[in-house]
Amino acid sequence: MGRRYRVLLAAAAALLLWADLHTDEIPFLLGLTLIAAAALGAAEPRRRVVTWMVTGEVMFAAQLAVWLGWFSAPWPERGFPGAALAVPLLPSALGAFGGACVRRRAR
């Protein structure tokens, strides 16, 4: 992977992690995931699967860290964050593959 892509991916993951730990608005987080994945998918269309998996699982990682007690968050704990494992994958996939498709169509 290119250095530029790794930096952009780390920045997007850090933004999503920070947003998840500081708000309890799920639609906002899913929209932010869609936008971040679309931007990365358009920037590097060949790495759309990596973009999809990383941006899709940041929310689960954040909620797992809260559940384990490593961080605090504004939402009440409701047990193991199983829904956060699958739900963010849909907007992440739409963004990553949509951004890659738009980039390839533009060429």
N, C-alpha and C. Protein backbone atom coordinates (compact mmCIF):
# COMPACT_ATOMS: atom_id res chain seq x y z
N MET A 1 0.83 -1.18 0.00
CA MET A 1 0.00 0.00 0.00
C MET A 1 0.87 1.25 0.00
N GLY A 2 0.39 2.25 -0.67
CA GLY A 2 1.13 3.50 -0.74
C GLY A 2 1.08 4.26 0.58
N ARG A 3 2.09 5.05 0.79
CA ARG A 3 2.19 5.81 2.04
C ARG A 3 1.02 6.80 2.16
N ARG A 4 0.66 7.45 1.06
CA ARG A 4 -0.43 8.42 1.09
C ARG A 4 -1.74 7.75 1.48
N TYR A 5 -2.00 6.56 0.93
CA TYR A 5 -3.23 5.85 1.26
C TYR A 5 -3.25 5.43 2.73
N ARG A 6 -2.13 4.95 3.24
CA ARG A 6 -2.08 4.55 4.65
C ARG A 6 -2.33 5.73 5.57
N VAL A 7 -1.78 6.89 5.23
CA VAL A 7 -2.00 8.10 6.05
C VAL A 7 -3.47 8.51 5.99
N LEU A 8 -4.06 8.52 4.80
CA LEU A 8 -5.48 8.87 4.66
C LEU A 8 -6.38 7.87 5.38
N LEU A 9 -6.06 6.58 5.28
CA LEU A 9 -6.85 5.56 5.96
C LEU A 9 -6.75 5.70 7.48
N ALA A 10 -5.54 5.96 7.98
CA ALA A 10 -5.38 6.16 9.43
C ALA A 10 -6.11 7.41 9.89
N ALA A 11 -6.07 8.47 9.10
CA ALA A 11 -6.78 9.70 9.47
C ALA A 11 -8.29 9.48 9.48
N ALA A 12 -8.80 8.78 8.48
CA ALA A 12 -10.24 8.49 8.44
C ALA A 12 -10.66 7.60 9.61
N ALA A 13 -9.85 6.60 9.92
CA ALA A 13 -10.16 5.71 11.05
C ALA A 13 -10.12 6.49 12.37
N ALA A 14 -9.15 7.37 12.52
CA ALA A 14 -9.06 8.17 13.74
C ALA A 14 -10.26 9.11 13.87
N LEU A 15 -10.69 9.72 12.75
CA LEU A 15 -11.86 10.59 12.78
C LEU A 15 -13.12 9.80 13.16
N LEU A 16 -13.30 8.64 12.56
CA LEU A 16 -14.47 7.82 12.88
C LEU A 16 -14.44 7.33 14.33
N LEU A 17 -13.27 6.96 14.81
CA LEU A 17 -13.14 6.52 16.20
C LEU A 17 -13.46 7.67 17.15
N TRP A 18 -12.91 8.84 16.88
CA TRP A 18 -13.19 10.00 17.74
C TRP A 18 -14.67 10.34 17.72
N ALA A 19 -15.28 10.35 16.54
CA ALA A 19 -16.71 10.68 16.44
C ALA A 19 -17.56 9.67 17.18
N ASP A 20 -17.21 8.40 17.10
CA ASP A 20 -17.99 7.36 17.78
C ASP A 20 -17.89 7.49 19.29
N LEU A 21 -16.74 7.90 19.78
CA LEU A 21 -16.57 8.03 21.23
C LEU A 21 -17.15 9.32 21.78
N HIS A 22 -17.52 10.26 20.91
CA HIS A 22 -18.01 11.56 21.38
C HIS A 22 -19.46 11.88 21.03
N THR A 23 -20.16 10.97 20.38
CA THR A 23 -21.57 11.20 20.09
C THR A 23 -22.32 9.88 20.17
N ASP A 24 -23.62 9.99 20.39
CA ASP A 24 -24.44 8.78 20.43
C ASP A 24 -25.44 8.77 19.27
N GLU A 25 -25.23 9.62 18.29
CA GLU A 25 -26.12 9.71 17.13
C GLU A 25 -25.68 8.71 16.07
N ILE A 26 -26.38 7.60 15.98
CA ILE A 26 -26.01 6.55 15.04
C ILE A 26 -26.15 6.99 13.58
N PRO A 27 -27.24 7.68 13.17
CA PRO A 27 -27.31 8.12 11.77
C PRO A 27 -26.14 9.03 11.37
N PHE A 28 -25.71 9.90 12.26
CA PHE A 28 -24.56 10.76 11.98
C PHE A 28 -23.31 9.92 11.76
N LEU A 29 -23.09 8.94 12.61
CA LEU A 29 -21.90 8.09 12.49
C LEU A 29 -21.93 7.26 11.20
N LEU A 30 -23.09 6.74 10.85
CA LEU A 30 -23.19 5.96 9.62
C LEU A 30 -22.99 6.85 8.39
N GLY A 31 -23.50 8.07 8.44
CA GLY A 31 -23.27 9.01 7.34
C GLY A 31 -21.81 9.39 7.21
N LEU A 32 -21.17 9.62 8.35
CA LEU A 32 -19.74 9.94 8.33
C LEU A 32 -18.93 8.77 7.80
N THR A 33 -19.33 7.56 8.15
CA THR A 33 -18.67 6.36 7.63
C THR A 33 -18.82 6.29 6.11
N LEU A 34 -20.01 6.58 5.62
CA LEU A 34 -20.27 6.57 4.18
C LEU A 34 -19.39 7.60 3.46
N ILE A 35 -19.32 8.79 4.00
CA ILE A 35 -18.53 9.86 3.37
C ILE A 35 -17.04 9.53 3.38
N ALA A 36 -16.54 9.06 4.53
CA ALA A 36 -15.12 8.73 4.62
C ALA A 36 -14.76 7.59 3.68
N ALA A 37 -15.61 6.56 3.62
CA ALA A 37 -15.33 5.44 2.73
C ALA A 37 -15.41 5.85 1.26
N ALA A 38 -16.36 6.73 0.93
CA ALA A 38 -16.47 7.20 -0.45
C ALA A 38 -15.24 8.01 -0.86
N ALA A 39 -14.76 8.85 0.04
CA ALA A 39 -13.58 9.65 -0.28
C ALA A 39 -12.35 8.76 -0.47
N LEU A 40 -12.19 7.77 0.40
CA LEU A 40 -11.05 6.86 0.26
C LEU A 40 -11.21 5.96 -0.95
N GLY A 41 -12.44 5.51 -1.22
CA GLY A 41 -12.67 4.68 -2.40
C GLY A 41 -12.37 5.43 -3.69
N ALA A 42 -12.69 6.71 -3.72
CA ALA A 42 -12.39 7.52 -4.90
C ALA A 42 -10.90 7.82 -5.00
N ALA A 43 -10.25 7.98 -3.86
CA ALA A 43 -8.81 8.28 -3.87
C ALA A 43 -7.99 7.08 -4.32
N GLU A 44 -8.38 5.90 -3.88
CA GLU A 44 -7.65 4.67 -4.24
C GLU A 44 -8.64 3.58 -4.61
N PRO A 45 -9.13 3.55 -5.84
CA PRO A 45 -10.15 2.57 -6.22
C PRO A 45 -9.66 1.12 -6.14
N ARG A 46 -8.37 0.89 -6.31
CA ARG A 46 -7.86 -0.49 -6.25
C ARG A 46 -7.90 -1.06 -4.85
N ARG A 47 -7.97 -0.21 -3.85
CA ARG A 47 -7.96 -0.67 -2.46
C ARG A 47 -9.33 -0.53 -1.81
N ARG A 48 -10.38 -0.68 -2.58
CA ARG A 48 -11.73 -0.48 -2.08
C ARG A 48 -12.13 -1.51 -1.02
N VAL A 49 -11.62 -2.73 -1.11
CA VAL A 49 -11.98 -3.75 -0.12
C VAL A 49 -11.32 -3.43 1.22
N VAL A 50 -10.08 -2.99 1.20
CA VAL A 50 -9.40 -2.60 2.45
C VAL A 50 -10.12 -1.41 3.07
N THR A 51 -10.49 -0.44 2.24
CA THR A 51 -11.24 0.72 2.72
C THR A 51 -12.54 0.29 3.35
N TRP A 52 -13.26 -0.60 2.68
CA TRP A 52 -14.54 -1.10 3.18
C TRP A 52 -14.37 -1.75 4.55
N MET A 53 -13.41 -2.64 4.70
CA MET A 53 -13.27 -3.37 5.96
C MET A 53 -12.77 -2.47 7.10
N VAL A 54 -11.83 -1.60 6.82
CA VAL A 54 -11.29 -0.75 7.90
C VAL A 54 -12.31 0.28 8.35
N THR A 55 -12.91 1.01 7.41
CA THR A 55 -13.87 2.03 7.83
C THR A 55 -15.14 1.41 8.38
N GLY A 56 -15.47 0.20 7.96
CA GLY A 56 -16.67 -0.46 8.46
C GLY A 56 -16.53 -0.99 9.88
N GLU A 57 -15.34 -1.31 10.29
CA GLU A 57 -15.17 -1.92 11.62
C GLU A 57 -14.63 -0.98 12.68
N VAL A 58 -14.42 0.28 12.35
CA VAL A 58 -13.95 1.24 13.35
C VAL A 58 -15.00 1.44 14.44
N MET A 59 -16.27 1.52 14.06
CA MET A 59 -17.33 1.70 15.05
C MET A 59 -17.39 0.52 16.02
N PHE A 60 -17.22 -0.69 15.50
CA PHE A 60 -17.21 -1.86 16.37
C PHE A 60 -16.01 -1.82 17.31
N ALA A 61 -14.85 -1.43 16.80
CA ALA A 61 -13.66 -1.35 17.64
C ALA A 61 -13.85 -0.33 18.76
N ALA A 62 -14.45 0.81 18.44
CA ALA A 62 -14.69 1.83 19.46
C ALA A 62 -15.67 1.34 20.53
N GLN A 63 -16.75 0.72 20.09
CA GLN A 63 -17.73 0.25 21.06
C GLN A 63 -17.22 -0.93 21.87
N LEU A 64 -16.38 -1.76 21.27
CA LEU A 64 -15.75 -2.85 22.02
C LEU A 64 -14.80 -2.29 23.08
N ALA A 65 -14.05 -1.24 22.73
CA ALA A 65 -13.14 -0.62 23.70
C ALA A 65 -13.92 -0.01 24.87
N VAL A 66 -15.08 0.56 24.60
CA VAL A 66 -15.93 1.09 25.68
C VAL A 66 -16.46 -0.06 26.53
N TRP A 67 -16.90 -1.12 25.88
CA TRP A 67 -17.43 -2.28 26.60
C TRP A 67 -16.36 -2.92 27.50
N LEU A 68 -15.10 -2.92 27.03
CA LEU A 68 -14.01 -3.48 27.83
C LEU A 68 -13.55 -2.53 28.93
N GLY A 69 -14.03 -1.27 28.89
CA GLY A 69 -13.68 -0.31 29.92
C GLY A 69 -12.45 0.51 29.62
N TRP A 70 -11.95 0.47 28.40
CA TRP A 70 -10.75 1.22 28.05
C TRP A 70 -11.04 2.69 27.83
N PHE A 71 -12.26 3.02 27.37
CA PHE A 71 -12.68 4.40 27.13
C PHE A 71 -14.06 4.61 27.73
N SER A 72 -14.43 5.87 27.87
CA SER A 72 -15.81 6.17 28.27
C SER A 72 -16.50 6.80 27.06
N ALA A 73 -17.83 6.70 27.05
CA ALA A 73 -18.59 7.21 25.91
C ALA A 73 -19.89 7.81 26.41
N PRO A 74 -20.55 8.66 25.60
CA PRO A 74 -21.78 9.33 26.04
C PRO A 74 -23.02 8.44 26.04
N TRP A 75 -22.93 7.23 25.53
CA TRP A 75 -24.09 6.37 25.52
C TRP A 75 -24.03 5.38 26.68
N PRO A 76 -25.18 4.89 27.15
CA PRO A 76 -25.17 3.90 28.22
C PRO A 76 -24.74 2.54 27.68
N GLU A 77 -24.02 1.80 28.49
CA GLU A 77 -23.59 0.47 28.06
C GLU A 77 -24.80 -0.46 28.01
N ARG A 78 -24.89 -1.21 26.92
CA ARG A 78 -26.01 -2.13 26.75
C ARG A 78 -25.52 -3.54 26.47
N GLY A 79 -24.44 -3.93 27.01
CA GLY A 79 -23.91 -5.26 26.75
C GLY A 79 -22.96 -5.27 25.56
N PHE A 80 -22.67 -6.46 25.07
CA PHE A 80 -21.73 -6.64 23.98
C PHE A 80 -22.24 -5.94 22.72
N PRO A 81 -21.40 -5.15 22.05
CA PRO A 81 -21.85 -4.38 20.87
C PRO A 81 -21.89 -5.21 19.59
N GLY A 82 -22.69 -6.24 19.58
CA GLY A 82 -22.76 -7.12 18.41
C GLY A 82 -23.30 -6.46 17.17
N ALA A 83 -24.29 -5.57 17.32
CA ALA A 83 -24.86 -4.90 16.15
C ALA A 83 -23.84 -4.00 15.47
N ALA A 84 -22.92 -3.46 16.24
CA ALA A 84 -21.90 -2.57 15.65
C ALA A 84 -20.91 -3.35 14.80
N LEU A 85 -20.95 -4.67 14.88
CA LEU A 85 -20.06 -5.48 14.06
C LEU A 85 -20.51 -5.49 12.60
N ALA A 86 -21.83 -5.52 12.37
CA ALA A 86 -22.34 -5.67 11.01
C ALA A 86 -22.97 -4.40 10.43
N VAL A 87 -23.63 -3.60 11.25
CA VAL A 87 -24.39 -2.45 10.74
C VAL A 87 -23.52 -1.45 9.97
N PRO A 88 -22.35 -1.05 10.45
CA PRO A 88 -21.55 -0.06 9.70
C PRO A 88 -20.95 -0.59 8.40
N LEU A 89 -20.98 -1.90 8.20
CA LEU A 89 -20.41 -2.44 6.97
C LEU A 89 -21.20 -2.04 5.73
N LEU A 90 -22.50 -1.83 5.86
CA LEU A 90 -23.30 -1.45 4.69
C LEU A 90 -22.95 -0.05 4.17
N PRO A 91 -22.99 1.00 5.00
CA PRO A 91 -22.60 2.31 4.45
C PRO A 91 -21.13 2.36 4.05
N SER A 92 -20.31 1.59 4.72
CA SER A 92 -18.90 1.54 4.34
C SER A 92 -18.73 0.90 2.97
N ALA A 93 -19.44 -0.18 2.71
CA ALA A 93 -19.37 -0.83 1.40
C ALA A 93 -19.93 0.07 0.31
N LEU A 94 -21.08 0.70 0.58
CA LEU A 94 -21.66 1.61 -0.40
C LEU A 94 -20.69 2.75 -0.73
N GLY A 95 -20.06 3.30 0.30
CA GLY A 95 -19.12 4.39 0.08
C GLY A 95 -17.87 3.96 -0.67
N ALA A 96 -17.24 2.89 -0.21
CA ALA A 96 -15.97 2.45 -0.81
C ALA A 96 -16.16 2.02 -2.27
N PHE A 97 -17.17 1.19 -2.52
CA PHE A 97 -17.38 0.72 -3.88
C PHE A 97 -17.99 1.80 -4.76
N GLY A 98 -18.85 2.65 -4.20
CA GLY A 98 -19.41 3.77 -4.96
C GLY A 98 -18.34 4.78 -5.34
N GLY A 99 -17.47 5.12 -4.40
CA GLY A 99 -16.38 6.05 -4.69
C GLY A 99 -15.43 5.50 -5.74
N ALA A 100 -15.14 4.20 -5.66
CA ALA A 100 -14.26 3.58 -6.66
C ALA A 100 -14.93 3.57 -8.03
N CYS A 101 -16.24 3.33 -8.06
CA CYS A 101 -16.97 3.31 -9.32
C CYS A 101 -17.00 4.71 -9.95
N VAL A 102 -17.23 5.73 -9.15
CA VAL A 102 -17.24 7.10 -9.66
C VAL A 102 -15.86 7.46 -10.20
N ARG A 103 -14.82 7.07 -9.51
CA ARG A 103 -13.46 7.38 -9.96
C ARG A 103 -13.15 6.68 -11.27
N ARG A 104 -13.55 5.42 -11.39
CA ARG A 104 -13.27 4.68 -12.62
C ARG A 104 -14.09 5.22 -13.79
N ARG A 105 -15.32 5.68 -13.52
CA ARG A 105 -16.15 6.25 -14.57
C ARG A 105 -15.59 7.58 -15.06
N ALA A 106 -14.92 8.31 -14.18
CA ALA A 106 -14.39 9.62 -14.53
C ALA A 106 -13.18 9.53 -15.45
N ARG A 107 -12.56 8.38 -15.51
CA ARG A 107 -11.36 8.22 -16.35
C ARG A 107 -11.68 8.09 -17.79
